[in-house]
Each structure stands twice: as C-alpha cells, then as structure tokens.
N, C-alpha and C. Protein backbone atom coordinates (compact mmCIF):
# COMPACT_ATOMS: atom_id res chain seq x y z
N MET A 1 -6.07 45.83 -134.25
CA MET A 1 -5.10 44.92 -133.80
C MET A 1 -3.72 45.45 -133.96
N ILE A 2 -2.89 45.38 -133.03
CA ILE A 2 -1.51 45.92 -133.12
C ILE A 2 -0.60 44.67 -133.42
N HIS A 3 0.29 44.82 -134.40
CA HIS A 3 1.16 43.80 -134.77
C HIS A 3 2.40 44.02 -133.99
N ARG A 4 2.91 43.02 -133.37
CA ARG A 4 4.13 43.15 -132.60
C ARG A 4 5.35 42.70 -133.21
N ALA A 5 5.43 42.31 -134.53
CA ALA A 5 6.63 41.81 -135.16
C ALA A 5 7.78 42.83 -135.02
N ILE A 6 7.48 44.16 -135.15
CA ILE A 6 8.58 45.02 -135.05
C ILE A 6 9.21 45.03 -133.65
N TYR A 7 8.40 44.86 -132.69
CA TYR A 7 9.02 44.81 -131.27
C TYR A 7 9.85 43.64 -131.03
N GLY A 8 9.46 42.53 -131.68
CA GLY A 8 10.31 41.37 -131.54
C GLY A 8 11.71 41.49 -132.18
N SER A 9 11.69 42.31 -133.32
CA SER A 9 12.94 42.45 -133.98
C SER A 9 13.81 43.33 -133.19
N LEU A 10 13.26 44.40 -132.60
CA LEU A 10 14.10 45.29 -131.69
C LEU A 10 14.57 44.53 -130.52
N GLU A 11 13.70 43.74 -129.83
CA GLU A 11 14.22 42.86 -128.71
C GLU A 11 15.42 41.87 -129.07
N ARG A 12 15.29 41.29 -130.26
CA ARG A 12 16.40 40.50 -130.75
C ARG A 12 17.66 41.26 -131.00
N PHE A 13 17.48 42.41 -131.64
CA PHE A 13 18.59 43.27 -131.89
C PHE A 13 19.29 43.63 -130.53
N ILE A 14 18.55 44.02 -129.62
CA ILE A 14 19.10 44.53 -128.31
C ILE A 14 19.82 43.41 -127.61
N GLY A 15 19.15 42.13 -127.71
CA GLY A 15 19.76 40.86 -127.18
C GLY A 15 21.08 40.57 -127.79
N ILE A 16 21.18 40.66 -129.22
CA ILE A 16 22.39 40.46 -129.85
C ILE A 16 23.46 41.48 -129.39
N LEU A 17 23.10 42.84 -129.20
CA LEU A 17 24.03 43.74 -128.82
C LEU A 17 24.68 43.38 -127.38
N ILE A 18 23.75 43.01 -126.44
CA ILE A 18 24.10 42.68 -125.07
C ILE A 18 25.05 41.39 -125.21
N GLU A 19 24.79 40.46 -125.93
CA GLU A 19 25.64 39.33 -126.01
C GLU A 19 27.00 39.65 -126.71
N HIS A 20 27.08 40.37 -127.71
CA HIS A 20 28.19 40.69 -128.46
C HIS A 20 29.14 41.60 -127.51
N TYR A 21 28.67 42.54 -126.82
CA TYR A 21 29.51 43.30 -126.11
C TYR A 21 29.65 42.87 -124.52
N GLU A 22 29.00 41.78 -124.26
CA GLU A 22 29.06 41.15 -122.92
C GLU A 22 28.63 42.21 -121.88
N GLY A 23 27.76 43.12 -122.18
CA GLY A 23 27.34 44.17 -121.28
C GLY A 23 28.24 45.29 -121.16
N LYS A 24 29.35 45.29 -121.77
CA LYS A 24 30.40 46.46 -121.73
C LYS A 24 30.20 47.23 -123.08
N PHE A 25 29.23 48.09 -123.15
CA PHE A 25 28.87 48.65 -124.30
C PHE A 25 29.92 49.84 -124.70
N PRO A 26 30.06 50.12 -126.00
CA PRO A 26 30.93 51.19 -126.42
C PRO A 26 30.29 52.55 -125.90
N LEU A 27 31.15 53.65 -126.06
CA LEU A 27 30.67 54.84 -125.40
C LEU A 27 29.38 55.43 -126.24
N TRP A 28 29.21 55.17 -127.49
CA TRP A 28 28.01 55.74 -128.16
C TRP A 28 26.73 55.09 -127.79
N ILE A 29 26.80 53.93 -127.10
CA ILE A 29 25.54 53.22 -126.72
C ILE A 29 25.48 53.06 -125.19
N SER A 30 26.49 53.48 -124.48
CA SER A 30 26.45 53.25 -123.02
C SER A 30 25.55 54.15 -122.31
N PRO A 31 24.80 53.82 -121.32
CA PRO A 31 23.90 54.73 -120.58
C PRO A 31 24.67 55.83 -119.92
N ASN A 32 25.89 55.60 -119.42
CA ASN A 32 26.76 56.54 -118.83
C ASN A 32 28.15 56.35 -119.46
N GLN A 33 28.61 57.49 -120.03
CA GLN A 33 29.94 57.47 -120.61
C GLN A 33 31.07 57.60 -119.63
N ILE A 34 30.75 58.28 -118.51
CA ILE A 34 31.78 58.63 -117.44
C ILE A 34 31.27 58.28 -116.11
N ARG A 35 32.06 57.79 -115.28
CA ARG A 35 31.70 57.57 -113.89
C ARG A 35 32.72 58.07 -112.95
N ILE A 36 32.47 59.00 -112.14
CA ILE A 36 33.28 59.61 -111.17
C ILE A 36 33.09 58.90 -109.87
N LEU A 37 34.19 58.29 -109.29
CA LEU A 37 34.23 57.65 -108.09
C LEU A 37 35.10 58.47 -107.12
N THR A 38 34.57 58.90 -105.88
CA THR A 38 35.37 59.61 -105.02
C THR A 38 36.00 58.60 -103.98
N VAL A 39 37.33 58.89 -103.57
CA VAL A 39 38.06 58.05 -102.71
C VAL A 39 37.96 58.36 -101.26
N THR A 40 37.82 59.76 -101.08
CA THR A 40 37.58 60.24 -99.66
C THR A 40 36.54 61.36 -99.74
N GLU A 41 36.13 61.82 -98.60
CA GLU A 41 35.09 62.85 -98.58
C GLU A 41 35.81 64.21 -98.84
N LYS A 42 37.14 64.28 -98.76
CA LYS A 42 37.78 65.67 -99.15
C LYS A 42 37.60 66.09 -100.51
N VAL A 43 37.57 65.12 -101.42
CA VAL A 43 37.39 65.47 -102.86
C VAL A 43 36.02 65.63 -103.42
N THR A 44 35.03 65.46 -102.58
CA THR A 44 33.63 65.48 -102.98
C THR A 44 33.26 66.71 -103.68
N ASP A 45 33.65 67.90 -103.20
CA ASP A 45 33.35 69.19 -103.82
C ASP A 45 34.04 69.31 -105.09
N TYR A 46 35.25 68.87 -105.22
CA TYR A 46 35.89 68.90 -106.53
C TYR A 46 35.21 67.94 -107.57
N ALA A 47 34.94 66.78 -107.10
CA ALA A 47 34.24 65.87 -107.94
C ALA A 47 32.99 66.36 -108.42
N LYS A 48 32.21 67.09 -107.66
CA LYS A 48 31.00 67.72 -108.00
C LYS A 48 31.20 68.74 -109.13
N ASN A 49 32.16 69.52 -109.03
CA ASN A 49 32.50 70.57 -109.98
C ASN A 49 32.89 69.87 -111.33
N VAL A 50 33.67 68.83 -111.29
CA VAL A 50 34.03 68.15 -112.54
C VAL A 50 32.76 67.54 -113.11
N TYR A 51 31.88 66.82 -112.34
CA TYR A 51 30.63 66.27 -112.72
C TYR A 51 29.92 67.38 -113.46
N ARG A 52 29.67 68.54 -112.88
CA ARG A 52 28.96 69.61 -113.49
C ARG A 52 29.53 70.12 -114.83
N GLU A 53 30.76 70.15 -114.96
CA GLU A 53 31.43 70.57 -116.09
C GLU A 53 31.25 69.63 -117.25
N LEU A 54 31.40 68.27 -116.87
CA LEU A 54 31.16 67.16 -117.83
C LEU A 54 29.75 67.24 -118.40
N LEU A 55 28.80 67.43 -117.37
CA LEU A 55 27.42 67.50 -117.87
C LEU A 55 27.09 68.58 -118.86
N ASP A 56 27.76 69.78 -118.49
CA ASP A 56 27.60 71.00 -119.38
C ASP A 56 28.18 70.74 -120.71
N SER A 57 29.18 69.88 -120.79
CA SER A 57 29.88 69.57 -122.09
C SER A 57 29.11 68.56 -122.96
N GLY A 58 27.98 68.03 -122.34
CA GLY A 58 27.25 66.98 -123.12
C GLY A 58 27.50 65.55 -122.87
N PHE A 59 28.32 65.38 -121.87
CA PHE A 59 28.61 63.86 -121.61
C PHE A 59 27.45 63.27 -120.55
N ARG A 60 27.28 62.03 -120.73
CA ARG A 60 26.41 61.29 -119.79
C ARG A 60 27.23 60.83 -118.60
N VAL A 61 27.13 61.41 -117.46
CA VAL A 61 28.02 61.30 -116.39
C VAL A 61 27.23 60.74 -115.15
N GLU A 62 27.94 59.93 -114.32
CA GLU A 62 27.31 59.57 -113.03
C GLU A 62 28.35 59.84 -111.92
N LEU A 63 27.97 60.40 -110.90
CA LEU A 63 28.84 60.69 -109.72
C LEU A 63 28.54 59.74 -108.53
N ASP A 64 29.42 59.04 -107.92
CA ASP A 64 29.30 58.20 -106.83
C ASP A 64 30.11 58.64 -105.70
N THR A 65 29.49 59.30 -104.70
CA THR A 65 30.07 59.85 -103.54
C THR A 65 29.83 59.04 -102.25
N ARG A 66 29.35 57.81 -102.46
CA ARG A 66 29.15 57.09 -101.24
C ARG A 66 30.34 56.76 -100.45
N ASN A 67 30.11 56.59 -99.14
CA ASN A 67 31.27 56.36 -98.33
C ASN A 67 31.43 54.72 -98.18
N GLU A 68 31.93 54.29 -99.31
CA GLU A 68 32.26 52.87 -99.50
C GLU A 68 33.56 52.71 -100.04
N LYS A 69 34.14 51.56 -99.92
CA LYS A 69 35.49 51.13 -100.44
C LYS A 69 35.38 51.27 -101.94
N LEU A 70 36.52 51.61 -102.53
CA LEU A 70 36.57 51.75 -104.04
C LEU A 70 36.32 50.49 -104.78
N GLU A 71 36.75 49.28 -104.18
CA GLU A 71 36.37 48.06 -104.78
C GLU A 71 34.85 47.91 -104.92
N LEU A 72 34.16 48.31 -103.97
CA LEU A 72 32.71 48.11 -103.95
C LEU A 72 32.07 49.01 -105.05
N LYS A 73 32.59 50.16 -105.10
CA LYS A 73 32.05 51.16 -106.08
C LYS A 73 32.39 50.76 -107.46
N SER A 74 33.60 50.32 -107.79
CA SER A 74 33.85 49.99 -109.07
C SER A 74 33.45 48.61 -109.53
N GLY A 75 33.13 47.80 -108.61
CA GLY A 75 32.61 46.49 -108.78
C GLY A 75 31.28 46.28 -109.52
N ILE A 76 30.48 47.35 -109.32
CA ILE A 76 29.20 47.40 -110.00
C ILE A 76 29.15 47.98 -111.34
N LEU A 77 30.35 48.33 -111.95
CA LEU A 77 30.43 48.90 -113.32
C LEU A 77 30.01 48.02 -114.33
N TYR A 78 30.30 46.63 -114.13
CA TYR A 78 30.08 45.75 -115.09
C TYR A 78 29.35 44.50 -114.50
C-alpha cells in the first residue's frame, strides 16, 4: 500500500505558493526567468543570439518570434 499523505502536503504547499504570488512567481521558482519578445522580423537573428548567450549563462529563457502584436505576446505572461 502506498501512502499518499506526502503528496497531499506537496499539493497544498504548491497551492499556497500559487495563491500567495498570484501566479507571478519570483525568479528562483519561475519556470522561465527571461522571455524575449521580438517586435519585427528584422531583429529575430539578434534575439536568437541573445537567447543562446542567456541559455549558455544558465538562465531559463523563452524566445517568442511569432508574427503577432506585442500586446498579444506579452498578454500571455501572466
């Protein structure tokens, strides 16, 4: 028999963190620390270089090069 009490405690702890930070986690617990959003296709190559450098430095980075308005890209952050 597997006892699930430890899992319940972890679930409650994660729930408390989500409620406390309202989904806007601090850097040490965020899935992505940095998000790079491109404004035009002209800067895509530069954004990719910055992305690679940040990854190599140990940051958790996400690159969004979609051809969408900036409001749509940044609106999904929170």
